[in-house]
Amino acid sequence: MTVSTAKKTATVLVLGFALLAGRARADSFTFASSIYGDGKEKETPLFNPEGVACSPNAVAIADTGNHRLLLFPLKDGRLGASTQVKLAQLTAPVRLQIDSKGNLLALDSKTQRIVKVDQQGGFAGFAGVAEAKSVPSATAAMVDGFKLDAADNLYVLDGAGRKVLVHDAAGALTRQVDLPKGNGMFVDVAVDAGGTIYVAEAVEGIVWSVDKTGTAFKPLTPSLKDRMSFPTYLTVNRGKLYLVDTNGNGVVVLGLDGAFLGRQLSLGWSEGQVNYPSQLCVNEGGEVFVADRFNHRVQEFLVR
């Protein structure tokens, strides 16, 4: 495995802090290492990886251009030997999530189905909209994003139906919330520990939210177009919202109240820079993994 082992201490440039007095300062990203391939003797390099997911003891990569998944064990901050997964049901893996049992959920961008992969790398069925017969026109759904909460409830952003659909761990539909009206382009969904759901709209750069008992999304932020170009991915961790600004080649950090806390990373080809990033994950140890698509790698950062 080609992993840069030198732990660089220089903090990646943080752009555009606009903090209000009394607000928490945004964490900074410090470059740690890069993953360029699968680690085999005749290494197959990553090609346009679009997805990455992490847990305290594992990292999964959607090596999209190679039509495969790579599963790495993680221990004491070190990655072990990878396991390659290729499934007939998953030919274009993009976004990934790891559930509480260590199973992997992967979105196939061609079929628009969420594929479940067990810990041994085997096919374990489908999840989400396409399998929920109680959802009207489910087979026509457009899965633009999905997340899991701590109880393995599945939150699916259905672009075609303009809804967020919530399924319990058994697959039953338990809730649906309409997306805000208008022509907004909603690109991802996230959920925090309290059950608040967040959705990111890319064109105007607005994050919307609805609490656990709410029935309608409300704007959490004003337009953030002066802070980011075109966000495509949203996640919650460490009491903060992280938006991957794909076109702007960076990561925007917000408080759960919508306050802008800072911006991380910048365009480039050197270690610690990104070129069209697509997904990130943050684990409990404060390690951030970023799918750095057009640099054909996944980068690891430490959050401080």
C-alpha atoms as a PDB file:
ATOM      1  CA  MET A   1       0.000   0.000   0.000  1.00  0.00           C
ATOM      2  CA  THR A   2       1.358   3.404  -0.965  1.00  0.00           C
ATOM      3  CA  VAL A   3       0.711   5.414   2.182  1.00  0.00           C
ATOM      4  CA  SER A   4       2.800   8.449   3.013  1.00  0.00           C
ATOM      5  CA  THR A   5       3.904   7.756   6.579  1.00  0.00           C
ATOM      6  CA  ALA A   6       5.487  11.066   7.412  1.00  0.00           C
ATOM      7  CA  LYS A   7       3.233  12.914   9.845  1.00  0.00           C
ATOM      8  CA  LYS A   8       3.520  16.502   8.720  1.00  0.00           C
ATOM      9  CA  THR A   9       3.034  19.032  11.447  1.00  0.00           C
ATOM     10  CA  ALA A  10       2.273  22.038   9.310  1.00  0.00           C
ATOM     11  CA  THR A  11      -1.416  22.859   9.492  1.00  0.00           C
ATOM     12  CA  VAL A  12      -3.131  23.090   6.122  1.00  0.00           C
ATOM     13  CA  LEU A  13      -4.040  26.686   5.353  1.00  0.00           C
ATOM     14  CA  VAL A  14      -7.381  27.688   6.839  1.00  0.00           C
ATOM     15  CA  LEU A  15      -9.117  30.284   4.692  1.00  0.00           C
ATOM     16  CA  GLY A  16     -11.672  32.877   5.545  1.00  0.00           C
ATOM     17  CA  PHE A  17     -12.351  32.569   9.279  1.00  0.00           C
ATOM     18  CA  ALA A  18     -15.241  34.824  10.249  1.00  0.00           C
ATOM     19  CA  LEU A  19     -15.858  34.028  13.885  1.00  0.00           C
ATOM     20  CA  LEU A  20     -18.168  35.838  16.229  1.00  0.00           C
ATOM     21  CA  ALA A  21     -17.065  36.522  19.789  1.00  0.00           C
ATOM     22  CA  GLY A  22     -17.838  33.635  22.091  1.00  0.00           C
ATOM     23  CA  ARG A  23     -18.235  31.074  19.300  1.00  0.00           C
ATOM     24  CA  ALA A  24     -16.122  27.933  19.146  1.00  0.00           C
ATOM     25  CA  ARG A  25     -13.175  28.052  16.803  1.00  0.00           C
ATOM     26  CA  ALA A  26     -13.242  25.642  13.881  1.00  0.00           C
ATOM     27  CA  ASP A  27     -10.983  22.640  14.069  1.00  0.00           C
ATOM     28  CA  SER A  28      -7.987  22.746  11.729  1.00  0.00           C
ATOM     29  CA  PHE A  29      -6.926  19.908   9.437  1.00  0.00           C
ATOM     30  CA  THR A  30      -3.322  18.701   9.658  1.00  0.00           C
ATOM     31  CA  PHE A  31      -2.137  16.440   6.855  1.00  0.00           C
ATOM     32  CA  ALA A  32      -1.200  12.925   7.955  1.00  0.00           C
ATOM     33  CA  SER A  33      -1.006  10.531   4.991  1.00  0.00           C
ATOM     34  CA  SER A  34      -2.283   9.596   1.546  1.00  0.00           C
ATOM     35  CA  ILE A  35      -3.640   6.339   0.142  1.00  0.00           C
ATOM     36  CA  TYR A  36      -2.901   5.844  -3.548  1.00  0.00           C
ATOM     37  CA  GLY A  37      -3.623   2.164  -4.098  1.00  0.00           C
ATOM     38  CA  ASP A  38      -4.779  -1.165  -2.702  1.00  0.00           C
ATOM     39  CA  GLY A  39      -1.461  -2.174  -1.143  1.00  0.00           C
ATOM     40  CA  LYS A  40      -1.032  -5.418  -3.054  1.00  0.00           C
ATOM     41  CA  GLU A  41       2.329  -6.605  -4.412  1.00  0.00           C
ATOM     42  CA  LYS A  42       1.323  -5.496  -7.888  1.00  0.00           C
ATOM     43  CA  GLU A  43      -0.549  -2.494  -6.672  1.00  0.00           C
ATOM     44  CA  THR A  44      -3.609  -1.267  -8.524  1.00  0.00           C
ATOM     45  CA  PRO A  45      -3.741   2.518  -8.096  1.00  0.00           C
ATOM     46  CA  LEU A  46      -6.933   4.301  -7.155  1.00  0.00           C
ATOM     47  CA  PHE A  47      -8.826   5.863 -10.047  1.00  0.00           C
ATOM     48  CA  ASN A  48     -11.316   8.663  -9.406  1.00  0.00           C
ATOM     49  CA  PRO A  49     -12.330   7.524  -5.904  1.00  0.00           C
ATOM     50  CA  GLU A  50     -15.632   9.203  -5.018  1.00  0.00           C
ATOM     51  CA  GLY A  51     -16.461   7.706  -1.630  1.00  0.00           C
ATOM     52  CA  VAL A  52     -14.907   7.092   1.754  1.00  0.00           C
ATOM     53  CA  ALA A  53     -16.367   5.960   5.076  1.00  0.00           C
ATOM     54  CA  CYS A  54     -14.672   5.363   8.396  1.00  0.00           C
ATOM     55  CA  SER A  55     -15.276   3.931  11.845  1.00  0.00           C
ATOM     56  CA  PRO A  56     -12.939   3.607  14.839  1.00  0.00           C
ATOM     57  CA  ASN A  57     -11.462   0.429  13.340  1.00  0.00           C
ATOM     58  CA  ALA A  58     -12.037   0.553   9.579  1.00  0.00           C
ATOM     59  CA  VAL A  59     -11.790   2.703   6.461  1.00  0.00           C
ATOM     60  CA  ALA A  60     -13.720   1.900   3.276  1.00  0.00           C
ATOM     61  CA  ILE A  61     -13.015   3.465  -0.107  1.00  0.00           C
ATOM     62  CA  ALA A  62     -15.259   3.565  -3.179  1.00  0.00           C
ATOM     63  CA  ASP A  63     -12.646   3.227  -5.920  1.00  0.00           C
ATOM     64  CA  THR A  64     -15.216   4.331  -8.455  1.00  0.00           C
ATOM     65  CA  GLY A  65     -13.096   4.276 -11.608  1.00  0.00           C
ATOM     66  CA  ASN A  66     -11.998   0.713 -10.873  1.00  0.00           C
ATOM     67  CA  HIS A  67     -15.564  -0.458 -10.059  1.00  0.00           C
ATOM     68  CA  ARG A  68     -14.592  -1.784  -6.643  1.00  0.00           C
ATOM     69  CA  LEU A  69     -14.512  -1.214  -2.918  1.00  0.00           C
ATOM     70  CA  LEU A  70     -11.388  -1.340  -0.758  1.00  0.00           C
ATOM     71  CA  LEU A  71     -11.789  -2.235   2.915  1.00  0.00           C
ATOM     72  CA  PHE A  72      -8.914  -1.369   5.276  1.00  0.00           C
ATOM     73  CA  PRO A  73      -8.651  -2.296   8.959  1.00  0.00           C
ATOM     74  CA  LEU A  74      -7.549   0.659  11.114  1.00  0.00           C
ATOM     75  CA  LYS A  75      -5.648   0.240  14.370  1.00  0.00           C
ATOM     76  CA  ASP A  76      -3.676   2.822  16.350  1.00  0.00           C
ATOM     77  CA  GLY A  77      -3.874   5.222  13.432  1.00  0.00           C
ATOM     78  CA  ARG A  78      -2.384   2.710  10.972  1.00  0.00           C
ATOM     79  CA  LEU A  79      -4.096   1.063   8.034  1.00  0.00           C
ATOM     80  CA  GLY A  80      -3.705  -2.666   7.550  1.00  0.00           C
ATOM     81  CA  ALA A  81      -3.795  -4.690   4.333  1.00  0.00           C
ATOM     82  CA  SER A  82      -6.838  -3.981   2.175  1.00  0.00           C
ATOM     83  CA  THR A  83      -9.562  -6.346   1.023  1.00  0.00           C
ATOM     84  CA  GLN A  84     -10.880  -5.753  -2.480  1.00  0.00           C
ATOM     85  CA  VAL A  85     -14.611  -6.158  -3.052  1.00  0.00           C
ATOM     86  CA  LYS A  86     -16.193  -6.438  -6.485  1.00  0.00           C
ATOM     87  CA  LEU A  87     -19.895  -7.261  -6.666  1.00  0.00           C
ATOM     88  CA  ALA A  88     -22.213  -7.753  -9.630  1.00  0.00           C
ATOM     89  CA  GLN A  89     -24.786  -5.652  -7.759  1.00  0.00           C
ATOM     90  CA  LEU A  90     -22.362  -2.734  -7.330  1.00  0.00           C
ATOM     91  CA  THR A  91     -20.544  -1.592 -10.450  1.00  0.00           C
ATOM     92  CA  ALA A  92     -20.359   2.174  -9.838  1.00  0.00           C
ATOM     93  CA  PRO A  93     -19.864   2.721  -6.092  1.00  0.00           C
ATOM     94  CA  VAL A  94     -19.910   6.334  -4.950  1.00  0.00           C
ATOM     95  CA  ARG A  95     -21.115   7.313  -1.481  1.00  0.00           C
ATOM     96  CA  LEU A  96     -20.477   5.047   1.497  1.00  0.00           C
ATOM     97  CA  GLN A  97     -21.595   4.668   5.115  1.00  0.00           C
ATOM     98  CA  ILE A  98     -20.652   2.122   7.804  1.00  0.00           C
ATOM     99  CA  ASP A  99     -23.393   0.921  10.156  1.00  0.00           C
ATOM    100  CA  SER A 100     -23.109   0.116  13.863  1.00  0.00           C
ATOM    101  CA  LYS A 101     -22.371  -3.563  13.143  1.00  0.00           C
ATOM    102  CA  GLY A 102     -19.540  -2.834  10.727  1.00  0.00           C
ATOM    103  CA  ASN A 103     -21.525  -3.490   7.541  1.00  0.00           C
ATOM    104  CA  LEU A 104     -21.028  -1.136   4.616  1.00  0.00           C
ATOM    105  CA  LEU A 105     -23.770   0.634   2.664  1.00  0.00           C
ATOM    106  CA  ALA A 106     -22.766   1.802  -0.800  1.00  0.00           C
ATOM    107  CA  LEU A 107     -24.713   3.814  -3.357  1.00  0.00           C
ATOM    108  CA  ASP A 108     -24.438   2.601  -6.946  1.00  0.00           C
ATOM    109  CA  SER A 109     -24.657   5.690  -9.154  1.00  0.00           C
ATOM    110  CA  LYS A 110     -25.880   3.680 -12.166  1.00  0.00           C
ATOM    111  CA  THR A 111     -28.706   1.706 -10.592  1.00  0.00           C
ATOM    112  CA  GLN A 112     -29.552   4.246  -7.856  1.00  0.00           C
ATOM    113  CA  ARG A 113     -29.685   1.404  -5.333  1.00  0.00           C
ATOM    114  CA  ILE A 114     -28.063   1.289  -1.923  1.00  0.00           C
ATOM    115  CA  VAL A 115     -26.143  -1.975  -1.663  1.00  0.00           C
ATOM    116  CA  LYS A 116     -25.379  -3.559   1.696  1.00  0.00           C
ATOM    117  CA  VAL A 117     -21.993  -5.290   2.038  1.00  0.00           C
ATOM    118  CA  ASP A 118     -21.218  -7.476   5.039  1.00  0.00           C
ATOM    119  CA  GLN A 119     -17.956  -7.440   6.987  1.00  0.00           C
ATOM    120  CA  GLN A 120     -16.549 -10.260   4.858  1.00  0.00           C
ATOM    121  CA  GLY A 121     -17.191  -8.300   1.665  1.00  0.00           C
ATOM    122  CA  GLY A 122     -20.255 -10.279   0.594  1.00  0.00           C
ATOM    123  CA  PHE A 123     -23.510  -8.979  -0.853  1.00  0.00           C
ATOM    124  CA  ALA A 124     -26.067  -8.635   1.952  1.00  0.00           C
ATOM    125  CA  GLY A 125     -29.057  -7.171   0.109  1.00  0.00           C
ATOM    126  CA  PHE A 126     -30.388  -3.745  -0.780  1.00  0.00           C
ATOM    127  CA  ALA A 127     -31.561  -0.940   1.460  1.00  0.00           C
ATOM    128  CA  GLY A 128     -33.619   2.204   1.222  1.00  0.00           C
ATOM    129  CA  VAL A 129     -36.043   3.650  -1.271  1.00  0.00           C
ATOM    130  CA  ALA A 130     -35.993   0.992  -3.972  1.00  0.00           C
ATOM    131  CA  GLU A 131     -36.861  -1.708  -1.437  1.00  0.00           C
ATOM    132  CA  ALA A 132     -39.637   0.160   0.414  1.00  0.00           C
ATOM    133  CA  LYS A 133     -42.869  -0.872  -1.280  1.00  0.00           C
ATOM    134  CA  SER A 134     -44.779   1.569   0.914  1.00  0.00           C
ATOM    135  CA  VAL A 135     -43.122   4.510  -0.855  1.00  0.00           C
ATOM    136  CA  PRO A 136     -45.131   5.769  -3.855  1.00  0.00           C
ATOM    137  CA  SER A 137     -43.182   5.454  -7.118  1.00  0.00           C
ATOM    138  CA  ALA A 138     -40.242   4.058  -5.162  1.00  0.00           C
ATOM    139  CA  THR A 139     -38.633   2.500  -8.202  1.00  0.00           C
ATOM    140  CA  ALA A 140     -38.353   5.949  -9.804  1.00  0.00           C
ATOM    141  CA  ALA A 141     -36.587   7.451  -6.824  1.00  0.00           C
ATOM    142  CA  MET A 142     -33.365   9.353  -7.280  1.00  0.00           C
ATOM    143  CA  VAL A 143     -31.023   8.723  -4.351  1.00  0.00           C
ATOM    144  CA  ASP A 144     -28.949  11.886  -4.107  1.00  0.00           C
ATOM    145  CA  GLY A 145     -27.547  11.112  -0.680  1.00  0.00           C
ATOM    146  CA  PHE A 146     -28.049   8.992   2.413  1.00  0.00           C
ATOM    147  CA  LYS A 147     -26.892   8.750   6.024  1.00  0.00           C
ATOM    148  CA  LEU A 148     -27.231   6.438   9.011  1.00  0.00           C
ATOM    149  CA  ASP A 149     -27.811   7.438  12.610  1.00  0.00           C
ATOM    150  CA  ALA A 150     -26.492   5.603  15.685  1.00  0.00           C
ATOM    151  CA  ALA A 151     -29.504   3.252  15.652  1.00  0.00           C
ATOM    152  CA  ASP A 152     -28.960   2.426  11.949  1.00  0.00           C
ATOM    153  CA  ASN A 153     -32.030   4.360  10.836  1.00  0.00           C
ATOM    154  CA  LEU A 154     -31.499   5.226   7.177  1.00  0.00           C
ATOM    155  CA  TYR A 155     -32.094   8.784   5.909  1.00  0.00           C
ATOM    156  CA  VAL A 156     -32.427   8.986   2.118  1.00  0.00           C
ATOM    157  CA  LEU A 157     -32.504  12.176   0.058  1.00  0.00           C
ATOM    158  CA  ASP A 158     -34.906  11.336  -2.797  1.00  0.00           C
ATOM    159  CA  GLY A 159     -34.326  13.983  -5.432  1.00  0.00           C
ATOM    160  CA  ALA A 160     -37.016  12.756  -7.797  1.00  0.00           C
ATOM    161  CA  GLY A 161     -39.678  12.685  -5.098  1.00  0.00           C
ATOM    162  CA  ARG A 162     -38.244  15.809  -3.434  1.00  0.00           C
ATOM    163  CA  LYS A 163     -38.417  14.200  -0.006  1.00  0.00           C
ATOM    164  CA  VAL A 164     -36.239  12.901   2.773  1.00  0.00           C
ATOM    165  CA  LEU A 165     -37.321   9.345   3.569  1.00  0.00           C
ATOM    166  CA  VAL A 166     -36.475   7.699   6.884  1.00  0.00           C
ATOM    167  CA  HIS A 167     -36.354   3.910   7.264  1.00  0.00           C
ATOM    168  CA  ASP A 168     -35.756   2.009  10.458  1.00  0.00           C
ATOM    169  CA  ALA A 169     -33.076  -0.686  10.800  1.00  0.00           C
ATOM    170  CA  ALA A 170     -35.571  -3.308   9.602  1.00  0.00           C
ATOM    171  CA  GLY A 171     -36.288  -1.325   6.416  1.00  0.00           C
ATOM    172  CA  ALA A 172     -39.750   0.023   7.277  1.00  0.00           C
ATOM    173  CA  LEU A 173     -40.567   3.573   6.244  1.00  0.00           C
ATOM    174  CA  THR A 174     -41.128   5.592   9.418  1.00  0.00           C
ATOM    175  CA  ARG A 175     -41.080   9.214   8.282  1.00  0.00           C
ATOM    176  CA  GLN A 176     -40.952  11.453   5.242  1.00  0.00           C
ATOM    177  CA  VAL A 177     -40.399  15.181   5.031  1.00  0.00           C
ATOM    178  CA  ASP A 178     -40.883  17.247   1.883  1.00  0.00           C
ATOM    179  CA  LEU A 179     -37.910  19.234   0.667  1.00  0.00           C
ATOM    180  CA  PRO A 180     -38.353  23.016   0.524  1.00  0.00           C
ATOM    181  CA  LYS A 181     -40.383  24.183  -2.461  1.00  0.00           C
ATOM    182  CA  GLY A 182     -38.707  25.867  -5.402  1.00  0.00           C
ATOM    183  CA  ASN A 183     -36.053  24.958  -7.899  1.00  0.00           C
ATOM    184  CA  GLY A 184     -33.238  24.341  -5.456  1.00  0.00           C
ATOM    185  CA  MET A 185     -30.732  21.561  -6.147  1.00  0.00           C
ATOM    186  CA  PHE A 186     -30.551  19.475  -2.985  1.00  0.00           C
ATOM    187  CA  VAL A 187     -27.414  17.369  -2.941  1.00  0.00           C
ATOM    188  CA  ASP A 188     -27.128  15.636   0.441  1.00  0.00           C
ATOM    189  CA  VAL A 189     -28.690  14.848   3.797  1.00  0.00           C
ATOM    190  CA  ALA A 190     -27.255  14.471   7.307  1.00  0.00           C
ATOM    191  CA  VAL A 191     -28.602  13.813  10.804  1.00  0.00           C
ATOM    192  CA  ASP A 192     -27.238  14.705  14.238  1.00  0.00           C
ATOM    193  CA  ALA A 193     -27.375  12.814  17.539  1.00  0.00           C
ATOM    194  CA  GLY A 194     -30.597  14.601  18.536  1.00  0.00           C
ATOM    195  CA  GLY A 195     -32.457  13.552  15.388  1.00  0.00           C
ATOM    196  CA  THR A 196     -32.320  16.897  13.580  1.00  0.00           C
ATOM    197  CA  ILE A 197     -32.138  16.391   9.814  1.00  0.00           C
ATOM    198  CA  TYR A 198     -30.076  18.703   7.612  1.00  0.00           C
ATOM    199  CA  VAL A 199     -30.106  19.053   3.822  1.00  0.00           C
ATOM    200  CA  ALA A 200     -27.665  20.995   1.647  1.00  0.00           C
ATOM    201  CA  GLU A 201     -28.797  23.023  -1.360  1.00  0.00           C
ATOM    202  CA  ALA A 202     -25.941  23.622  -3.789  1.00  0.00           C
ATOM    203  CA  VAL A 203     -26.886  26.488  -6.096  1.00  0.00           C
ATOM    204  CA  GLU A 204     -27.609  29.083  -3.402  1.00  0.00           C
ATOM    205  CA  GLY A 205     -25.406  27.364  -0.828  1.00  0.00           C
ATOM    206  CA  ILE A 206     -28.068  27.106   1.889  1.00  0.00           C
ATOM    207  CA  VAL A 207     -28.342  24.475   4.616  1.00  0.00           C
ATOM    208  CA  TRP A 208     -31.875  23.659   5.800  1.00  0.00           C
ATOM    209  CA  SER A 209     -32.936  21.741   8.905  1.00  0.00           C
ATOM    210  CA  VAL A 210     -35.927  20.134  10.591  1.00  0.00           C
ATOM    211  CA  ASP A 211     -35.970  18.812  14.144  1.00  0.00           C
ATOM    212  CA  LYS A 212     -36.999  15.345  15.234  1.00  0.00           C
ATOM    213  CA  THR A 213     -40.699  16.211  15.506  1.00  0.00           C
ATOM    214  CA  GLY A 214     -40.868  18.847  12.773  1.00  0.00           C
ATOM    215  CA  THR A 215     -42.808  18.581   9.545  1.00  0.00           C
ATOM    216  CA  ALA A 216     -41.085  21.207   7.368  1.00  0.00           C
ATOM    217  CA  PHE A 217     -37.527  22.261   6.666  1.00  0.00           C
ATOM    218  CA  LYS A 218     -36.449  25.781   7.622  1.00  0.00           C
ATOM    219  CA  PRO A 219     -33.307  27.619   6.494  1.00  0.00           C
ATOM    220  CA  LEU A 220     -30.486  27.140   8.988  1.00  0.00           C
ATOM    221  CA  THR A 221     -28.093  29.467   7.153  1.00  0.00           C
ATOM    222  CA  PRO A 222     -28.299  32.354   4.729  1.00  0.00           C
ATOM    223  CA  SER A 223     -26.763  31.824   1.314  1.00  0.00           C
ATOM    224  CA  LEU A 224     -23.121  30.796   1.737  1.00  0.00           C
ATOM    225  CA  LYS A 225     -22.101  31.489  -1.846  1.00  0.00           C
ATOM    226  CA  ASP A 226     -19.433  33.865  -0.593  1.00  0.00           C
ATOM    227  CA  ARG A 227     -17.993  30.966   1.435  1.00  0.00           C
ATOM    228  CA  MET A 228     -18.236  28.090  -1.041  1.00  0.00           C
ATOM    229  CA  SER A 229     -18.769  27.425  -4.718  1.00  0.00           C
ATOM    230  CA  PHE A 230     -20.821  24.218  -5.051  1.00  0.00           C
ATOM    231  CA  PRO A 231     -21.144  21.848  -2.090  1.00  0.00           C
ATOM    232  CA  THR A 232     -22.006  18.222  -2.832  1.00  0.00           C
ATOM    233  CA  TYR A 233     -21.601  16.384   0.483  1.00  0.00           C
ATOM    234  CA  LEU A 234     -22.757  17.059   4.041  1.00  0.00           C
ATOM    235  CA  THR A 235     -22.019  15.257   7.299  1.00  0.00           C
ATOM    236  CA  VAL A 236     -22.281  15.873  11.049  1.00  0.00           C
ATOM    237  CA  ASN A 237     -19.513  15.051  13.497  1.00  0.00           C
ATOM    238  CA  ARG A 238     -18.003  16.450  16.688  1.00  0.00           C
ATOM    239  CA  GLY A 239     -20.935  18.860  17.026  1.00  0.00           C
ATOM    240  CA  LYS A 240     -20.231  20.476  13.656  1.00  0.00           C
ATOM    241  CA  LEU A 241     -21.462  20.347  10.076  1.00  0.00           C
ATOM    242  CA  TYR A 242     -18.882  19.617   7.383  1.00  0.00           C
ATOM    243  CA  LEU A 243     -19.670  20.484   3.756  1.00  0.00           C
ATOM    244  CA  VAL A 244     -17.427  19.278   0.946  1.00  0.00           C
ATOM    245  CA  ASP A 245     -17.188  22.141  -1.557  1.00  0.00           C
ATOM    246  CA  THR A 246     -16.377  20.057  -4.609  1.00  0.00           C
ATOM    247  CA  ASN A 247     -16.118  22.828  -7.202  1.00  0.00           C
ATOM    248  CA  GLY A 248     -14.398  25.115  -4.713  1.00  0.00           C
ATOM    249  CA  ASN A 249     -11.918  22.422  -3.634  1.00  0.00           C
ATOM    250  CA  GLY A 250     -12.326  22.760   0.110  1.00  0.00           C
ATOM    251  CA  VAL A 251     -14.329  21.939   3.215  1.00  0.00           C
ATOM    252  CA  VAL A 252     -16.633  24.428   4.948  1.00  0.00           C
ATOM    253  CA  VAL A 253     -17.251  23.962   8.686  1.00  0.00           C
ATOM    254  CA  LEU A 254     -20.444  25.193  10.369  1.00  0.00           C
ATOM    255  CA  GLY A 255     -21.836  25.024  13.871  1.00  0.00           C
ATOM    256  CA  LEU A 256     -25.085  23.129  14.366  1.00  0.00           C
ATOM    257  CA  ASP A 257     -26.729  26.548  14.649  1.00  0.00           C
ATOM    258  CA  GLY A 258     -25.523  27.382  11.129  1.00  0.00           C
ATOM    259  CA  ALA A 259     -22.704  29.696  12.221  1.00  0.00           C
ATOM    260  CA  PHE A 260     -19.763  29.768   9.814  1.00  0.00           C
ATOM    261  CA  LEU A 261     -16.695  28.463  11.644  1.00  0.00           C
ATOM    262  CA  GLY A 262     -14.115  28.302   8.901  1.00  0.00           C
ATOM    263  CA  ARG A 263     -12.877  26.780   5.693  1.00  0.00           C
ATOM    264  CA  GLN A 264     -10.259  24.081   5.225  1.00  0.00           C
ATOM    265  CA  LEU A 265      -8.054  22.940   2.322  1.00  0.00           C
ATOM    266  CA  SER A 266      -7.374  24.421  -1.091  1.00  0.00           C
ATOM    267  CA  LEU A 267      -6.882  23.423  -4.726  1.00  0.00           C
ATOM    268  CA  GLY A 268      -3.635  21.668  -5.588  1.00  0.00           C
ATOM    269  CA  TRP A 269      -1.786  18.466  -6.301  1.00  0.00           C
ATOM    270  CA  SER A 270       0.653  18.370  -3.390  1.00  0.00           C
ATOM    271  CA  GLU A 271       0.000  16.402  -0.215  1.00  0.00           C
ATOM    272  CA  GLY A 272      -2.566  18.260   1.870  1.00  0.00           C
ATOM    273  CA  GLN A 273      -4.247  19.867  -1.149  1.00  0.00           C
ATOM    274  CA  VAL A 274      -7.270  18.576  -3.056  1.00  0.00           C
ATOM    275  CA  ASN A 275      -8.597  18.447  -6.594  1.00  0.00           C
ATOM    276  CA  TYR A 276     -12.379  17.958  -6.843  1.00  0.00           C
ATOM    277  CA  PRO A 277     -13.016  16.268  -3.489  1.00  0.00           C
ATOM    278  CA  SER A 278     -16.259  14.325  -3.213  1.00  0.00           C
ATOM    279  CA  GLN A 279     -16.802  12.820   0.255  1.00  0.00           C
ATOM    280  CA  LEU A 280     -15.226  12.915   3.692  1.00  0.00           C
ATOM    281  CA  CYS A 281     -15.644  11.059   6.951  1.00  0.00           C
ATOM    282  CA  VAL A 282     -14.556  11.820  10.505  1.00  0.00           C
ATOM    283  CA  ASN A 283     -14.039   9.086  13.085  1.00  0.00           C
ATOM    284  CA  GLU A 284     -14.075   9.230  16.869  1.00  0.00           C
ATOM    285  CA  GLY A 285     -10.302   9.577  16.990  1.00  0.00           C
ATOM    286  CA  GLY A 286     -10.408  12.861  15.096  1.00  0.00           C
ATOM    287  CA  GLU A 287      -9.100  11.400  11.859  1.00  0.00           C
ATOM    288  CA  VAL A 288     -10.582  12.862   8.674  1.00  0.00           C
ATOM    289  CA  PHE A 289     -10.433  10.945   5.392  1.00  0.00           C
ATOM    290  CA  VAL A 290     -11.149  12.852   2.167  1.00  0.00           C
ATOM    291  CA  ALA A 291     -11.875  11.247  -1.214  1.00  0.00           C
ATOM    292  CA  ASP A 292      -9.601  13.414  -3.388  1.00  0.00           C
ATOM    293  CA  ARG A 293     -11.112  12.353  -6.695  1.00  0.00           C
ATOM    294  CA  PHE A 294      -9.027  13.949  -9.436  1.00  0.00           C
ATOM    295  CA  ASN A 295      -5.785  13.453  -7.512  1.00  0.00           C
ATOM    296  CA  HIS A 296      -6.690   9.722  -7.489  1.00  0.00           C
ATOM    297  CA  ARG A 297      -6.146   9.283  -3.767  1.00  0.00           C
ATOM    298  CA  VAL A 298      -7.741   9.392  -0.346  1.00  0.00           C
ATOM    299  CA  GLN A 299      -6.057  11.743   2.113  1.00  0.00           C
ATOM    300  CA  GLU A 300      -5.977  11.481   5.890  1.00  0.00           C
ATOM    301  CA  PHE A 301      -5.962  14.571   8.098  1.00  0.00           C
ATOM    302  CA  LEU A 302      -5.916  14.963  11.863  1.00  0.00           C
ATOM    303  CA  VAL A 303      -8.473  17.346  13.337  1.00  0.00           C
ATOM    304  CA  ARG A 304      -7.178  19.650  16.060  1.00  0.00           C
END
